[in-house]
Protein backbone atom coordinates (compact mmCIF):
# COMPACT_ATOMS: atom_id res chain seq x y z
CA MET A 1 115.77 83.72 105.24
CA GLN A 2 118.32 85.49 103.05
CA ASP A 3 116.39 84.65 99.95
CA ARG A 4 113.17 86.04 101.52
CA LEU A 5 115.07 89.28 102.41
CA ARG A 6 116.43 89.57 98.85
CA ARG A 7 112.86 89.08 97.38
CA TRP A 8 111.54 91.72 99.76
CA GLY A 9 114.35 94.11 98.77
CA LEU A 10 113.68 93.57 95.11
CA THR A 11 109.99 94.06 95.58
CA ALA A 12 110.48 97.32 97.53
CA ALA A 13 112.93 98.59 94.87
CA THR A 14 110.41 97.77 92.09
CA LEU A 15 107.59 99.60 93.94
CA THR A 16 109.80 102.60 94.57
CA ALA A 17 110.88 102.71 90.85
CA ALA A 18 107.22 102.46 89.72
CA ALA A 19 106.23 105.27 92.09
CA LEU A 20 108.98 107.55 90.75
CA PHE A 21 107.89 106.98 87.18
CA THR A 22 104.22 107.72 87.81
CA ILE A 23 104.55 110.70 90.07
CA PRO A 24 105.16 114.05 88.33
CA THR A 25 108.53 115.25 89.42
CA SER A 26 108.37 119.01 88.70
CA ALA A 27 106.01 121.78 89.51
CA THR A 28 105.36 122.15 85.71
CA GLU A 29 104.45 118.46 85.38
CA ARG A 30 102.13 118.63 88.39
CA ALA A 31 100.48 121.75 86.98
CA THR A 32 99.82 120.30 83.54
CA MET A 33 99.06 116.74 84.38
CA ILE A 34 95.38 115.91 84.22
CA GLU A 35 93.14 112.98 84.96
CA GLN A 36 90.09 112.10 82.99
CA LEU A 37 87.02 110.53 84.52
CA ARG A 38 84.89 108.48 82.13
CA ILE A 39 81.52 107.04 82.97
CA TYR A 40 79.73 104.77 80.57
CA GLU A 41 76.14 103.59 81.02
CA ILE A 42 76.19 99.79 80.40
CA PHE A 43 73.34 97.33 80.24
CA GLU A 44 72.77 94.34 82.50
CA SER A 45 71.81 92.18 79.49
CA ASN A 46 75.23 92.38 77.92
CA LYS A 47 77.53 93.77 80.53
CA ASP A 48 79.68 90.62 80.52
CA ALA A 49 80.30 91.10 76.89
CA PHE A 50 81.08 94.80 77.40
CA HIS A 51 83.62 93.97 80.13
CA ALA A 52 85.28 91.32 77.92
CA ARG A 53 85.59 93.74 75.04
CA PHE A 54 87.03 96.48 77.23
CA ARG A 55 89.47 94.16 78.96
CA ASP A 56 90.58 92.18 76.02
CA HIS A 57 90.53 94.79 73.30
CA ALA A 58 89.85 98.46 74.17
CA ALA A 59 92.40 98.61 77.05
CA ARG A 60 95.03 96.94 74.92
CA ILE A 61 94.51 99.18 71.95
CA MET A 62 94.30 102.35 74.14
CA LYS A 63 97.75 101.53 75.57
CA THR A 64 99.22 101.78 72.03
CA TYR A 65 98.02 105.33 71.89
CA GLY A 66 99.48 106.35 75.30
CA PHE A 67 96.44 105.85 77.50
CA ASP A 68 97.39 105.32 81.10
CA ILE A 69 94.39 103.66 82.89
CA ALA A 70 94.62 104.35 86.61
CA ALA A 71 91.64 102.34 87.78
CA MET A 72 88.32 100.88 86.65
CA TRP A 73 85.14 100.25 88.51
CA GLU A 74 81.53 99.08 88.05
CA ALA A 75 78.97 101.18 89.88
CA LYS A 76 75.22 100.92 90.21
CA THR A 77 72.74 103.73 90.70
CA LYS A 78 69.03 103.25 91.22
CA ASP A 79 68.56 103.87 87.41
CA ARG A 80 71.49 102.21 85.73
CA THR A 81 74.78 100.27 85.83
CA GLU A 82 77.93 102.21 85.05
CA PHE A 83 81.47 101.43 83.98
CA VAL A 84 83.77 104.00 85.48
CA TYR A 85 87.40 104.60 84.84
CA VAL A 86 90.12 107.14 85.32
CA LEU A 87 92.91 107.99 82.87
CA ARG A 88 96.03 109.91 83.54
CA TRP A 89 97.50 112.32 80.96
CA PRO A 90 100.54 114.58 80.82
CA ASP A 91 98.27 117.39 79.40
CA GLU A 92 94.96 118.05 77.73
CA ALA A 93 96.43 118.28 74.22
CA THR A 94 97.91 114.86 74.47
CA MET A 95 94.53 113.54 75.75
CA ARG A 96 92.57 114.91 72.84
CA GLU A 97 95.15 113.74 70.24
CA SER A 98 95.24 110.20 71.78
CA TRP A 99 91.45 109.95 71.76
CA ALA A 100 91.28 111.09 68.16
CA ARG A 101 93.79 108.38 67.05
CA PHE A 102 92.08 105.67 69.12
CA MET A 103 88.65 106.45 67.67
CA GLN A 104 90.19 106.24 64.16
CA ASP A 105 91.84 102.88 64.92
CA ALA A 106 90.77 100.30 62.28
CA GLU A 107 91.03 97.32 64.65
CA TRP A 108 88.95 99.01 67.31
CA SER A 109 86.32 99.99 64.68
CA ARG A 110 86.05 96.34 63.56
CA ILE A 111 85.88 95.07 67.09
CA LYS A 112 83.24 97.59 68.06
CA ASP A 113 81.03 96.72 65.05
CA SER A 114 81.37 92.97 65.37
CA SER A 115 80.65 92.96 69.12
CA ALA A 116 77.58 95.16 68.57
CA ALA A 117 76.32 92.89 65.87
CA GLU A 118 76.68 89.95 68.21
CA HIS A 119 75.60 91.47 71.55
CA GLY A 120 73.66 94.60 70.65
CA ARG A 121 74.41 98.12 71.79
CA MET A 122 76.77 98.00 74.76
CA VAL A 123 77.12 101.59 75.84
CA GLY A 124 74.43 104.14 76.51
CA ALA A 125 75.20 107.54 77.83
CA ILE A 126 78.78 108.59 78.24
CA GLU A 127 79.96 111.24 80.71
CA GLU A 128 83.46 112.73 80.85
CA ARG A 129 85.19 115.07 83.18
CA VAL A 130 88.74 116.40 82.78
CA MET A 131 90.19 116.96 86.23
CA GLN A 132 93.24 118.89 87.40
CA ARG A 133 94.52 118.23 90.88
CA THR A 134 94.50 120.97 93.44
CA SER A 135 97.72 122.31 94.84
CA TYR A 136 97.03 120.55 98.18
CA SER A 137 96.02 117.17 96.68
CA PRO A 138 98.15 114.33 98.04
């Protein structure tokens, strides 16, 4: 019983610490922090290869450039399948600089080229929205 309580306490402390490090602590941080919504059209014929490439390579390389991936989804409309994800950024300048560095990454370029050669084009249309929270957002 005591061991279970100790583990529960450690879990609660870890979750609290994680929340403190991910929530902006000042009004200035809240005002400049942005989230970026990315929507990629993906194709049923090679979506498994797309997901493997994003999971195993893109997400890993993105993290080295400061990308903070909040969540990822797959969505379907009547016309297409989409890969949707949200990134968190401290400000728009950091977002733009990080994207520029990621797009110039030699490893990412090689992976993109080799996976396209093997599986064909994996991404169609790309949509992006930069979002700033409202003052009353939870």
